[in-house]
Amino acid sequence: MENFPGRFFGVDDAAPRQRLGQVVGGSLSEGVQVKLDPGIIIEGITVGSYVTIDGNTGRRYFGLVTDIKLDATDVAVQKMPPSDPMMIDMLRGTTVFGLLEVKPHLVREQDTGELRPVKSVPAHFTAAYRSTPEEVREVFASDEGSPYRIGASLEDEKIEINIDLERMLERSSAIFGRSGTGKTFMTVPLLAAVIHKDLASCLIFDMHNDYGYTLKGDKNRKFKGLKQLNAISNKTVIVTLDEKSSRVRNSRPEFALAIGYGQIEPEDLESVSRVLALTDVQVNALYAMKRRAPKTWIYELINDDVDGEVKAMIAENKIIEGTYYAMQRKLQKLLGFEFIREQAQADFVERIIGYLTKGISVIVEFGKYGDDMGAYVFVANFLTRRIRERYRDMKEDAEGGGGVEPKKLVIVIEEAHKFLEPGVAEHTIFGTIARELRKYNVTLMVVDQRPSQIDGEVMSQIGTRITCALSDEKDISAVFTGINGAAQLRGVLASLDSKQQALIMGHAVPMPVAIHTTEYGEKIYEQYAIGPSSAPLRREKPDLKSEQPFA
């Protein structure tokens, strides 16, 4: 656990505290064991509850219940349990008792009052208490930096749990959870807060058309997307790959995105090699064609007649004819998408960069192409590679005194494992960004249901992990890659409900915390009801085919 800015407990020591029991064993790595006092009802304690332990030296430890056990001093009682109610009452709490596994994460130093990561454990027989609401609030108030209310304590919904958005954006972050757990409903208000506080620009690859204008819920319920939140409406624009879908959904995009043949590089097609099953030989052939015919190679690739430089390459055994046709066949569908054209009338990459550097977030809607993984991976890599190169140049110019440092950028990708799986991450721009951290002011926010398919090195670079319920054992193990005390936290994750609950770990919180997430709806809309001018940035009836920004 990294050092988190210290806070004062600020607890009224005269406030009533419920004693749970006393420490009877444990270790720093595995946590301590707390034997419950007689009279404490074990059924009233849940995994993920907070416990405060008063050390003998004046230190106060703050920890998380990671497991709950039933134990006994006499195994014979377990083999032959009593049936007499009076005997049961006599044995309960003495011969048989409850045992809590508590993982201490923070300690309040007596002399300074600051909270620090634990480096020791409380002594035997020190008293353990149920943490008071005041103690929990003090730890997760996040009154420093940029606090964001992400949810409430599982024990008491009146206790707000905040994360520090500034710290979260310092490194890449992730939102994990199996399908149907509410990842998108957690991501949308989180991004709204980032945009509203002007902490970063966001480039959102909206695979299922959920982030921009309308968010689809269960039973055909519709919720407001980022563009409908008044206070940030003038800080977001929507661009589309599918004009027809945008009209039907009335998502009001700023312009239609098109890619010209002359803008495509071999690196762009290599990014979809896994999705399109391109072999290494075929990928190498793409680079060879580019070197041989820099301006016409893509035209010759899609031409049904083998002619020009390709014909010469085949004659010279520079490329095998069968390889050429197989490569052409695999790429034919991708290059036949409507948004890929012989010529694009505008340099949309420059437009998007212009928005992002001015603090305006861009949502790329995929429309019908969201169901095509080839289109999604191709466009996301195509845009991100060029934007990252521009950000790198601007950052280096600024460091040399020749320009202005670019505004921080967060790139949001769904189905992230398609970009970051082992063997692929090291060759994609997303893997590069994840490893660079904030070197060029660009970080990732990955939204995924299969963390086990993300490269381990990339996972280790993800600073903040927000994890909803997972069912696959491999995915659960992957979430805890590089996390201190992972074995103890698995039980907390396993106890989460299938919706509106999550475990947060890492850079943005002082210690792991299980939460009941804030419900997305009217209460959140109210937060963004009033803001800077939310006048539309476009005409009501845009001409998408013009490829020009709407006035």
Protein backbone atom coordinates (compact mmCIF):
# COMPACT_ATOMS: atom_id res chain seq x y z
CA MET A 1 0.00 0.00 0.00
CA GLU A 2 1.42 3.35 -1.04
CA ASN A 3 1.66 6.20 1.41
CA PHE A 4 -1.55 8.20 1.35
CA PRO A 5 -1.71 11.82 2.54
CA GLY A 6 -2.10 11.70 6.33
CA ARG A 7 -5.28 12.76 8.04
CA PHE A 8 -6.30 13.21 11.63
CA PHE A 9 -8.80 10.80 13.09
CA GLY A 10 -10.69 13.67 14.70
CA VAL A 11 -12.79 11.17 16.67
CA ASP A 12 -14.71 12.09 19.78
CA ASP A 13 -13.23 9.58 22.21
CA ALA A 14 -16.21 10.10 24.50
CA ALA A 15 -18.57 8.75 21.84
CA PRO A 16 -19.92 5.26 22.61
CA ARG A 17 -17.88 2.48 21.04
CA GLN A 18 -18.94 -1.14 20.78
CA ARG A 19 -16.25 -3.50 21.95
CA LEU A 20 -16.05 -6.66 19.84
CA GLY A 21 -13.28 -8.61 21.54
CA GLN A 22 -9.53 -8.85 21.82
CA VAL A 23 -6.57 -9.74 19.64
CA VAL A 24 -5.39 -13.32 20.21
CA GLY A 25 -3.00 -13.90 17.31
CA GLY A 26 -2.04 -13.18 13.71
CA SER A 27 0.70 -11.60 11.64
CA LEU A 28 1.43 -8.49 9.60
CA SER A 29 1.08 -10.29 6.27
CA GLU A 30 -2.07 -12.28 7.05
CA GLY A 31 -3.81 -9.97 9.52
CA VAL A 32 -4.78 -10.48 13.16
CA GLN A 33 -7.35 -12.70 14.84
CA VAL A 34 -9.94 -11.14 17.14
CA LYS A 35 -11.77 -13.42 19.60
CA LEU A 36 -15.30 -12.10 20.08
CA ASP A 37 -16.46 -11.31 23.60
CA PRO A 38 -19.38 -13.26 25.09
CA GLY A 39 -22.61 -11.56 24.16
CA ILE A 40 -21.39 -10.29 20.79
CA ILE A 41 -23.70 -11.63 18.08
CA ILE A 42 -21.49 -12.91 15.30
CA GLU A 43 -24.33 -12.74 12.79
CA GLY A 44 -24.32 -8.96 13.14
CA ILE A 45 -20.79 -8.69 11.71
CA THR A 46 -20.11 -8.96 7.98
CA VAL A 47 -17.06 -9.35 5.80
CA GLY A 48 -15.94 -5.87 4.79
CA SER A 49 -16.84 -4.32 8.17
CA TYR A 50 -14.39 -1.86 9.74
CA VAL A 51 -12.63 -2.58 13.03
CA THR A 52 -10.57 -0.25 15.21
CA ILE A 53 -7.95 -1.77 17.53
CA ASP A 54 -6.44 0.24 20.39
CA GLY A 55 -2.76 -0.66 20.70
CA ASN A 56 -0.93 -0.67 24.02
CA THR A 57 1.41 2.12 22.88
CA GLY A 58 -1.38 4.59 22.14
CA ARG A 59 -1.57 3.72 18.46
CA ARG A 60 -4.99 3.11 16.97
CA TYR A 61 -5.21 0.56 14.13
CA PHE A 62 -7.89 0.70 11.46
CA GLY A 63 -8.66 -2.52 9.60
CA LEU A 64 -11.10 -4.55 7.55
CA VAL A 65 -12.86 -7.79 8.44
CA THR A 66 -11.73 -10.28 5.79
CA ASP A 67 -13.14 -13.52 7.24
CA ILE A 68 -15.41 -14.76 10.02
CA LYS A 69 -14.93 -18.12 11.73
CA LEU A 70 -16.48 -20.31 14.41
CA ASP A 71 -13.96 -21.86 16.82
CA ALA A 72 -13.92 -23.87 20.05
CA THR A 73 -11.49 -24.62 22.86
CA ASP A 74 -12.73 -28.23 23.04
CA VAL A 75 -13.13 -30.19 19.82
CA ALA A 76 -15.42 -32.60 21.65
CA VAL A 77 -18.09 -29.92 21.68
CA GLN A 78 -17.93 -29.78 17.91
CA LYS A 79 -18.27 -33.56 17.67
CA MET A 80 -21.05 -33.78 20.26
CA PRO A 81 -22.91 -30.46 20.37
CA PRO A 82 -25.21 -29.93 23.38
CA SER A 83 -28.97 -29.82 23.00
CA ASP A 84 -29.90 -28.30 26.34
CA PRO A 85 -30.60 -24.51 25.90
CA MET A 86 -29.01 -23.68 29.28
CA MET A 87 -25.85 -25.58 28.41
CA ILE A 88 -25.70 -23.88 25.03
CA ASP A 89 -25.84 -20.46 26.72
CA MET A 90 -23.09 -21.48 29.14
CA LEU A 91 -20.75 -22.66 26.37
CA ARG A 92 -21.39 -19.82 23.94
CA GLY A 93 -18.67 -17.19 24.18
CA THR A 94 -16.41 -19.34 26.36
CA THR A 95 -15.92 -22.87 25.06
CA VAL A 96 -17.28 -21.95 21.63
CA PHE A 97 -16.76 -18.47 20.24
CA GLY A 98 -16.54 -16.35 17.13
CA LEU A 99 -13.23 -15.38 15.57
CA LEU A 100 -12.68 -12.47 13.20
CA GLU A 101 -9.84 -12.22 10.69
CA VAL A 102 -8.97 -8.53 10.57
CA LYS A 103 -6.47 -7.01 8.16
CA PRO A 104 -5.11 -3.73 9.63
CA HIS A 105 -4.28 -1.21 6.89
CA LEU A 106 -3.78 2.10 8.67
CA VAL A 107 -2.49 3.21 12.05
CA ARG A 108 -2.96 6.51 13.82
CA GLU A 109 0.27 7.61 15.46
CA GLN A 110 -0.21 8.89 19.00
CA ASP A 111 2.29 11.74 18.76
CA THR A 112 1.22 13.23 15.39
CA GLY A 113 -2.33 11.94 14.95
CA GLU A 114 -1.55 11.10 11.32
CA LEU A 115 -2.74 7.98 9.56
CA ARG A 116 0.02 5.83 8.11
CA PRO A 117 0.19 2.41 6.42
CA VAL A 118 0.73 -0.29 9.05
CA LYS A 119 4.21 -1.72 9.55
CA SER A 120 3.48 -3.64 12.72
CA VAL A 121 0.58 -5.35 14.51
CA PRO A 122 -1.26 -4.65 17.78
CA ALA A 123 -0.16 -6.72 20.77
CA HIS A 124 -1.93 -9.73 22.26
CA PHE A 125 -5.15 -9.01 24.14
CA THR A 126 -5.52 -5.44 22.87
CA ALA A 127 -9.15 -4.40 22.57
CA ALA A 128 -10.94 -4.38 19.21
CA TYR A 129 -14.00 -2.22 18.56
CA ARG A 130 -16.52 -1.80 15.79
CA SER A 131 -15.36 1.38 14.03
CA THR A 132 -17.62 4.33 14.69
CA PRO A 133 -19.18 6.27 11.79
CA GLU A 134 -16.90 9.20 12.68
CA GLU A 135 -13.79 7.04 12.30
CA VAL A 136 -14.93 5.71 8.93
CA ARG A 137 -15.76 9.20 7.70
CA GLU A 138 -12.37 10.52 8.75
CA VAL A 139 -10.54 7.83 6.80
CA PHE A 140 -12.59 8.13 3.62
CA ALA A 141 -13.60 11.79 3.73
CA SER A 142 -10.89 12.65 1.17
CA ASP A 143 -11.11 16.33 2.05
CA GLU A 144 -7.77 16.79 0.29
CA GLY A 145 -7.35 16.79 -3.47
CA SER A 146 -10.61 16.34 -5.39
CA PRO A 147 -13.05 14.22 -3.39
CA TYR A 148 -15.75 12.32 -5.25
CA ARG A 149 -18.58 10.47 -3.50
CA ILE A 150 -18.50 7.08 -5.17
CA GLY A 151 -20.82 5.35 -2.72
CA ALA A 152 -21.59 4.51 0.87
CA SER A 153 -20.34 2.06 3.48
CA LEU A 154 -21.88 -1.39 3.28
CA GLU A 155 -22.56 -1.17 7.02
CA ASP A 156 -24.26 2.20 7.05
CA GLU A 157 -25.49 3.99 3.91
CA LYS A 158 -25.33 7.30 5.79
CA ILE A 159 -21.51 7.04 5.78
CA GLU A 160 -20.17 8.43 2.52
CA ILE A 161 -17.14 6.87 0.88
CA ASN A 162 -15.05 9.25 -1.22
CA ILE A 163 -12.15 8.67 -3.54
CA ASP A 164 -9.55 11.23 -4.54
CA LEU A 165 -10.00 11.87 -8.27
CA GLU A 166 -6.68 13.67 -8.64
CA ARG A 167 -4.80 10.68 -7.26
CA MET A 168 -6.86 8.30 -9.39
CA LEU A 169 -5.88 10.19 -12.55
CA GLU A 170 -2.20 10.14 -11.69
CA ARG A 171 -2.08 6.56 -12.96
CA SER A 172 -4.21 4.31 -15.15
CA SER A 173 -7.35 2.92 -13.52
CA ALA A 174 -9.80 0.09 -14.11
CA ILE A 175 -13.42 -0.84 -13.49
CA PHE A 176 -13.93 -4.61 -13.50
CA GLY A 177 -17.00 -6.79 -13.09
CA ARG A 178 -18.94 -9.48 -14.86
CA SER A 179 -21.70 -8.52 -17.28
CA GLY A 180 -24.72 -6.95 -15.60
CA THR A 181 -22.98 -5.72 -12.46
CA GLY A 182 -23.36 -2.03 -13.36
CA LYS A 183 -19.86 -1.09 -14.58
CA THR A 184 -21.17 1.51 -17.03
CA PHE A 185 -23.54 3.02 -14.45
CA MET A 186 -20.52 3.54 -12.20
CA THR A 187 -18.26 4.83 -14.97
CA VAL A 188 -20.60 7.50 -16.37
CA PRO A 189 -20.97 9.56 -13.13
CA LEU A 190 -17.26 9.06 -12.40
CA LEU A 191 -16.35 10.57 -15.78
CA ALA A 192 -18.93 13.32 -15.27
CA ALA A 193 -17.12 14.33 -12.08
CA VAL A 194 -13.72 14.34 -13.84
CA ILE A 195 -15.11 16.55 -16.61
CA HIS A 196 -17.03 18.86 -14.27
CA LYS A 197 -14.03 19.44 -12.01
CA ASP A 198 -11.92 20.09 -15.13
CA LEU A 199 -9.31 17.57 -13.98
CA ALA A 200 -8.76 16.03 -17.42
CA SER A 201 -10.18 15.68 -20.90
CA CYS A 202 -11.71 12.29 -21.68
CA LEU A 203 -11.57 10.36 -24.94
CA ILE A 204 -14.27 7.72 -24.63
CA PHE A 205 -14.59 4.85 -27.09
CA ASP A 206 -18.30 4.24 -26.69
CA MET A 207 -18.62 0.70 -27.97
CA HIS A 208 -22.32 0.26 -27.11
CA ASN A 209 -23.50 3.90 -27.41
CA ASP A 210 -24.04 4.32 -23.67
CA TYR A 211 -21.89 7.26 -22.63
CA GLY A 212 -22.90 10.02 -25.03
CA TYR A 213 -26.57 10.95 -25.07
CA THR A 214 -28.58 8.05 -23.65
CA LEU A 215 -27.60 5.22 -21.33
CA LYS A 216 -29.69 2.07 -21.67
CA GLY A 217 -30.70 0.21 -18.50
CA ASP A 218 -32.66 -2.89 -17.59
CA LYS A 219 -36.25 -3.23 -18.83
CA ASN A 220 -35.61 -0.65 -21.58
CA ARG A 221 -35.16 2.15 -19.03
CA LYS A 222 -33.26 5.13 -20.40
CA PHE A 223 -30.89 7.36 -18.44
CA LYS A 224 -29.08 10.55 -19.32
CA GLY A 225 -25.69 10.27 -20.95
CA LEU A 226 -22.88 12.76 -20.40
CA LYS A 227 -24.18 15.12 -23.09
CA GLN A 228 -27.53 15.50 -21.31
CA LEU A 229 -25.96 16.63 -18.02
CA ASN A 230 -26.36 20.40 -18.31
CA ALA A 231 -23.34 21.45 -16.26
CA ILE A 232 -20.95 19.56 -18.54
CA SER A 233 -22.88 19.66 -21.82
CA ASN A 234 -20.61 22.34 -23.27
CA LYS A 235 -17.56 20.32 -22.19
CA THR A 236 -18.46 17.23 -24.24
CA VAL A 237 -18.91 16.46 -27.93
CA ILE A 238 -20.09 13.31 -29.65
CA VAL A 239 -18.65 12.06 -32.93
CA THR A 240 -20.04 9.07 -34.79
CA LEU A 241 -18.98 6.25 -37.07
CA ASP A 242 -22.55 5.35 -37.96
CA GLU A 243 -24.64 8.25 -39.28
CA LYS A 244 -27.88 6.28 -39.56
CA SER A 245 -27.71 4.98 -36.00
CA SER A 246 -27.02 8.48 -34.66
CA ARG A 247 -30.09 9.86 -36.43
CA VAL A 248 -32.33 7.08 -35.14
CA ARG A 249 -31.11 7.55 -31.57
CA ASN A 250 -31.05 11.36 -31.88
CA SER A 251 -27.64 11.45 -30.23
CA ARG A 252 -26.75 14.78 -31.92
CA PRO A 253 -23.13 14.14 -32.92
CA GLU A 254 -20.76 16.95 -33.73
CA PHE A 255 -19.56 15.33 -36.95
CA ALA A 256 -19.29 12.00 -38.75
CA LEU A 257 -15.88 10.41 -38.57
CA ALA A 258 -14.22 9.10 -41.74
CA ILE A 259 -10.84 7.53 -42.45
CA GLY A 260 -9.21 7.90 -45.86
CA TYR A 261 -7.16 5.17 -47.51
CA GLY A 262 -4.15 7.44 -47.54
CA GLN A 263 -4.28 7.85 -43.76
CA ILE A 264 -3.97 4.13 -43.01
CA GLU A 265 -0.58 2.73 -42.02
CA PRO A 266 0.55 -0.91 -41.68
CA GLU A 267 0.65 -0.38 -37.89
CA ASP A 268 -3.11 0.28 -37.97
CA LEU A 269 -3.82 -3.03 -39.68
CA GLU A 270 -1.34 -4.85 -37.45
CA SER A 271 -3.42 -3.69 -34.46
CA VAL A 272 -6.29 -5.92 -35.63
CA SER A 273 -4.10 -8.88 -36.58
CA ARG A 274 -5.43 -11.02 -33.72
CA VAL A 275 -9.05 -10.16 -34.44
CA LEU A 276 -8.71 -10.80 -38.19
CA ALA A 277 -6.35 -13.78 -37.78
CA LEU A 278 -3.54 -12.17 -39.77
CA THR A 279 -0.35 -14.21 -39.59
CA ASP A 280 3.09 -12.72 -38.93
CA VAL A 281 3.97 -13.40 -42.58
CA GLN A 282 0.92 -11.45 -43.75
CA VAL A 283 1.67 -8.56 -41.41
CA ASN A 284 5.25 -8.40 -42.66
CA ALA A 285 3.88 -8.36 -46.21
CA LEU A 286 1.89 -5.22 -45.36
CA TYR A 287 5.07 -3.40 -44.36
CA ALA A 288 6.82 -4.63 -47.51
CA MET A 289 4.01 -3.30 -49.70
CA LYS A 290 4.15 0.05 -47.92
CA ARG A 291 7.89 0.35 -48.51
CA ARG A 292 7.51 -0.61 -52.17
CA ALA A 293 4.52 1.63 -52.93
CA PRO A 294 4.22 4.28 -50.18
CA LYS A 295 1.28 6.14 -51.77
CA THR A 296 -0.65 3.38 -53.52
CA TRP A 297 -0.13 0.26 -51.38
CA ILE A 298 -3.57 0.30 -49.78
CA TYR A 299 -5.28 0.71 -53.17
CA GLU A 300 -3.36 -2.23 -54.57
CA LEU A 301 -4.24 -4.29 -51.51
CA ILE A 302 -7.98 -3.87 -52.09
CA ASN A 303 -7.79 -4.14 -55.87
CA ASP A 304 -9.15 -7.44 -57.15
CA ASP A 305 -6.71 -7.37 -60.08
CA VAL A 306 -3.10 -8.11 -59.18
CA ASP A 307 -1.25 -5.31 -60.87
CA GLY A 308 1.43 -2.66 -60.39
CA GLU A 309 3.93 -3.07 -57.58
CA VAL A 310 2.14 -6.09 -56.10
CA LYS A 311 2.48 -7.95 -59.38
CA ALA A 312 6.17 -7.04 -59.48
CA MET A 313 6.67 -8.20 -55.89
CA ILE A 314 5.06 -11.54 -56.64
CA ALA A 315 7.26 -11.93 -59.72
CA GLU A 316 10.34 -11.17 -57.63
CA ASN A 317 9.26 -13.60 -54.88
CA LYS A 318 9.03 -10.68 -52.46
CA ILE A 319 5.53 -11.81 -51.60
CA ILE A 320 3.77 -15.10 -52.22
CA GLU A 321 0.62 -14.80 -54.31
CA GLY A 322 -1.34 -17.00 -51.89
CA THR A 323 -0.27 -14.79 -48.98
CA TYR A 324 -1.46 -11.71 -50.85
CA TYR A 325 -4.91 -13.13 -51.58
CA ALA A 326 -5.34 -14.49 -48.04
CA MET A 327 -4.36 -11.11 -46.61
CA GLN A 328 -6.70 -9.29 -48.96
CA ARG A 329 -9.58 -11.61 -48.09
CA LYS A 330 -9.14 -11.08 -44.35
CA LEU A 331 -8.93 -7.29 -44.68
CA GLN A 332 -11.71 -6.94 -47.23
CA LYS A 333 -14.48 -6.58 -44.64
CA LEU A 334 -12.55 -4.07 -42.52
CA LEU A 335 -11.58 -1.88 -45.47
CA GLY A 336 -15.15 -2.09 -46.76
CA PHE A 337 -16.68 -0.34 -43.74
CA GLU A 338 -18.63 2.79 -44.69
CA PHE A 339 -16.45 5.04 -42.51
CA ILE A 340 -13.33 3.99 -44.46
CA ARG A 341 -13.31 5.90 -47.75
CA GLU A 342 -11.00 6.65 -50.63
CA GLN A 343 -10.58 10.15 -49.29
CA ALA A 344 -11.60 11.87 -46.06
CA GLN A 345 -12.51 15.52 -46.59
CA ALA A 346 -11.30 16.61 -43.16
CA ASP A 347 -8.48 15.75 -40.76
CA PHE A 348 -10.71 14.57 -37.94
CA VAL A 349 -7.74 13.55 -35.78
CA GLU A 350 -6.69 17.19 -35.61
CA ARG A 351 -10.25 18.18 -34.74
CA ILE A 352 -10.40 15.70 -31.91
CA ILE A 353 -7.00 16.77 -30.59
CA GLY A 354 -8.19 20.37 -30.75
CA TYR A 355 -11.16 19.55 -28.54
CA LEU A 356 -9.12 17.51 -26.06
CA THR A 357 -6.41 20.13 -25.61
CA LYS A 358 -9.09 22.75 -24.92
CA GLY A 359 -10.58 20.65 -22.13
CA ILE A 360 -13.52 19.33 -24.16
CA SER A 361 -14.11 15.58 -23.85
CA VAL A 362 -14.86 13.50 -26.95
CA ILE A 363 -17.21 10.50 -27.08
CA VAL A 364 -16.75 8.27 -30.13
CA GLU A 365 -19.98 6.41 -30.85
CA PHE A 366 -19.68 3.22 -32.87
CA GLY A 367 -23.34 2.65 -33.71
CA LYS A 368 -23.78 -0.66 -35.51
CA TYR A 369 -20.00 -1.13 -35.60
CA GLY A 370 -19.90 -1.62 -31.84
CA ASP A 371 -20.78 -5.27 -32.41
CA ASP A 372 -17.81 -5.71 -34.72
CA MET A 373 -14.64 -6.19 -32.70
CA GLY A 374 -12.46 -5.58 -35.76
CA ALA A 375 -13.96 -2.11 -36.30
CA TYR A 376 -13.73 -1.26 -32.60
CA VAL A 377 -10.10 -2.32 -32.18
CA PHE A 378 -9.05 -0.71 -35.47
CA VAL A 379 -10.61 2.72 -34.81
CA ALA A 380 -9.53 2.85 -31.16
CA ASN A 381 -5.92 2.05 -32.06
CA PHE A 382 -5.97 4.32 -35.13
CA LEU A 383 -7.08 7.36 -33.13
CA THR A 384 -5.15 6.69 -29.95
CA ARG A 385 -1.83 6.09 -31.69
CA ARG A 386 -1.97 9.46 -33.41
CA ILE A 387 -3.27 11.34 -30.38
CA ARG A 388 -0.58 9.86 -28.15
CA GLU A 389 2.11 10.88 -30.68
CA ARG A 390 0.81 14.44 -30.68
CA TYR A 391 0.68 14.53 -26.88
CA ARG A 392 4.23 13.22 -26.74
CA ASP A 393 5.40 15.98 -29.12
CA MET A 394 3.52 18.68 -27.20
CA LYS A 395 4.90 17.46 -23.88
CA GLU A 396 8.48 17.42 -25.18
CA ASP A 397 8.05 20.87 -26.74
CA ALA A 398 6.74 22.19 -23.43
CA GLU A 399 9.67 20.71 -21.52
CA GLY A 400 12.01 22.38 -23.99
CA GLY A 401 10.32 25.73 -23.49
CA GLY A 402 8.83 25.80 -26.97
CA GLY A 403 5.18 25.14 -26.27
CA VAL A 404 2.34 24.68 -23.80
CA GLU A 405 2.01 21.42 -21.88
CA PRO A 406 -1.05 19.45 -23.04
CA LYS A 407 -4.02 19.06 -20.71
CA LYS A 408 -4.22 15.71 -18.94
CA LEU A 409 -6.05 13.09 -21.01
CA VAL A 410 -7.90 9.95 -19.90
CA ILE A 411 -8.68 7.37 -22.60
CA VAL A 412 -11.64 5.13 -21.74
CA ILE A 413 -11.84 1.72 -23.43
CA GLU A 414 -14.31 -1.13 -23.00
CA GLU A 415 -13.41 -4.76 -23.73
CA ALA A 416 -9.88 -3.67 -22.82
CA HIS A 417 -8.48 -7.21 -22.85
CA LYS A 418 -8.71 -7.17 -26.67
CA PHE A 419 -6.03 -4.46 -26.63
CA LEU A 420 -4.07 -5.59 -23.60
CA GLU A 421 -3.95 -9.38 -23.69
CA PRO A 422 -0.56 -11.14 -23.34
CA GLY A 423 1.41 -11.10 -26.57
CA VAL A 424 -0.61 -8.15 -27.87
CA ALA A 425 -0.22 -5.45 -25.20
CA GLU A 426 3.47 -4.98 -25.89
CA HIS A 427 2.70 -4.18 -29.53
CA THR A 428 -0.34 -1.91 -29.09
CA ILE A 429 -0.44 1.76 -28.23
CA PHE A 430 -2.61 0.98 -25.20
CA GLY A 431 0.05 -1.27 -23.72
CA THR A 432 2.58 1.50 -24.26
CA ILE A 433 0.37 4.07 -22.53
CA ALA A 434 -0.24 1.77 -19.56
CA ARG A 435 3.50 1.27 -19.08
CA GLU A 436 4.35 4.95 -19.50
CA LEU A 437 2.09 5.97 -16.60
CA ARG A 438 1.64 9.75 -16.87
CA LYS A 439 4.86 10.45 -18.76
CA TYR A 440 3.02 12.26 -21.55
CA ASN A 441 -0.09 13.31 -19.56
CA VAL A 442 -2.10 10.37 -20.98
CA THR A 443 -3.57 7.55 -18.87
CA LEU A 444 -6.10 4.78 -19.40
CA MET A 445 -9.39 3.89 -17.77
CA VAL A 446 -10.16 0.30 -18.71
CA VAL A 447 -13.65 -1.15 -18.35
CA ASP A 448 -13.67 -4.93 -18.65
CA GLN A 449 -15.28 -8.15 -17.50
CA ARG A 450 -12.27 -10.41 -18.14
CA PRO A 451 -9.28 -9.04 -16.18
CA SER A 452 -7.58 -12.44 -16.41
CA GLN A 453 -7.02 -11.82 -20.12
CA ILE A 454 -5.11 -8.58 -19.52
CA ASP A 455 -1.32 -8.80 -19.56
CA GLY A 456 0.13 -9.12 -16.05
CA GLU A 457 2.64 -6.30 -16.57
CA VAL A 458 -0.16 -3.95 -17.60
CA MET A 459 -2.26 -4.99 -14.59
CA SER A 460 0.62 -4.13 -12.29
CA GLN A 461 0.58 -0.57 -13.66
CA ILE A 462 -3.11 0.02 -12.93
CA GLY A 463 -3.17 2.31 -9.91
CA THR A 464 -6.83 2.22 -8.86
CA ARG A 465 -9.06 -0.84 -9.28
CA ILE A 466 -12.81 -0.67 -8.79
CA THR A 467 -14.12 -4.23 -8.88
CA CYS A 468 -17.74 -5.35 -8.97
CA ALA A 469 -18.77 -8.99 -8.58
CA LEU A 470 -16.76 -11.57 -10.54
CA SER A 471 -17.45 -15.28 -10.87
CA ASP A 472 -14.47 -16.72 -12.74
CA GLU A 473 -11.62 -17.76 -10.44
CA LYS A 474 -8.98 -16.60 -12.93
CA ASP A 475 -10.55 -13.15 -13.12
CA ILE A 476 -10.67 -12.88 -9.34
CA SER A 477 -6.97 -13.79 -9.08
CA ALA A 478 -6.04 -11.30 -11.81
CA VAL A 479 -7.74 -8.40 -10.02
CA PHE A 480 -5.42 -8.82 -7.05
CA THR A 481 -2.20 -8.87 -9.11
CA GLY A 482 0.36 -6.77 -7.22
CA ILE A 483 -2.05 -5.96 -4.35
CA ASN A 484 -0.75 -6.30 -0.80
CA GLY A 485 -2.92 -8.64 1.30
CA ALA A 486 -4.65 -10.09 -1.76
CA ALA A 487 -5.42 -13.42 -0.09
CA GLN A 488 -7.39 -11.72 2.67
CA LEU A 489 -9.32 -9.47 0.29
CA ARG A 490 -10.63 -12.32 -1.85
CA GLY A 491 -13.27 -13.06 0.75
CA VAL A 492 -14.44 -9.45 0.66
CA LEU A 493 -14.83 -9.56 -3.12
CA ALA A 494 -16.62 -12.89 -2.96
CA SER A 495 -19.20 -11.44 -0.53
CA LEU A 496 -20.33 -8.64 -2.88
CA ASP A 497 -23.86 -8.60 -4.25
CA SER A 498 -24.28 -8.94 -8.01
CA LYS A 499 -25.27 -5.27 -8.42
CA GLN A 500 -24.39 -1.88 -6.95
CA GLN A 501 -21.53 -3.11 -4.79
CA ALA A 502 -17.81 -2.88 -5.43
CA LEU A 503 -14.38 -3.29 -3.83
CA ILE A 504 -12.02 -0.35 -4.34
CA MET A 505 -8.26 -0.79 -3.99
CA GLY A 506 -5.20 1.24 -4.83
CA HIS A 507 -4.01 4.75 -5.44
CA ALA A 508 -7.24 6.72 -4.93
CA VAL A 509 -8.18 5.34 -1.50
CA PRO A 510 -6.15 5.12 1.72
CA MET A 511 -7.08 1.44 2.15
CA PRO A 512 -9.29 -1.14 0.40
CA VAL A 513 -12.97 -0.45 0.91
CA ALA A 514 -16.18 -2.27 -0.01
CA ILE A 515 -19.00 0.07 -0.99
CA HIS A 516 -22.61 0.29 -2.02
CA THR A 517 -22.31 2.35 -5.20
CA THR A 518 -24.31 5.52 -5.73
CA GLU A 519 -27.39 4.84 -7.84
CA TYR A 520 -27.31 6.63 -11.18
CA GLY A 521 -30.45 8.68 -11.67
CA GLU A 522 -32.25 11.80 -10.51
CA LYS A 523 -29.98 12.56 -7.54
CA ILE A 524 -26.94 12.63 -9.80
CA TYR A 525 -28.81 14.62 -12.46
CA GLU A 526 -29.49 17.28 -9.82
CA GLN A 527 -25.75 17.72 -9.23
CA TYR A 528 -25.34 18.75 -12.87
CA ALA A 529 -28.64 20.60 -13.33
CA ILE A 530 -27.02 24.04 -13.16
CA GLY A 531 -23.69 24.93 -14.65
CA PRO A 532 -21.92 26.99 -17.30
CA SER A 533 -23.81 27.78 -20.45
CA SER A 534 -25.17 24.56 -21.83
CA ALA A 535 -26.29 25.98 -25.15
CA PRO A 536 -26.00 23.42 -27.96
CA LEU A 537 -22.82 23.52 -30.00
CA ARG A 538 -24.57 22.51 -33.23
CA ARG A 539 -27.60 22.96 -35.40
CA GLU A 540 -30.65 20.90 -34.48
CA LYS A 541 -30.64 19.14 -37.85
CA PRO A 542 -26.99 18.45 -38.64
CA ASP A 543 -25.82 17.34 -42.04
CA LEU A 544 -23.66 14.43 -41.00
CA LYS A 545 -22.41 13.73 -44.49
CA SER A 546 -20.72 17.11 -44.68
CA GLU A 547 -18.00 15.91 -42.26
CA GLN A 548 -17.83 19.51 -41.06
CA PRO A 549 -18.32 20.62 -37.44
CA PHE A 550 -21.82 21.91 -36.86
CA ALA A 551 -21.99 25.59 -35.99
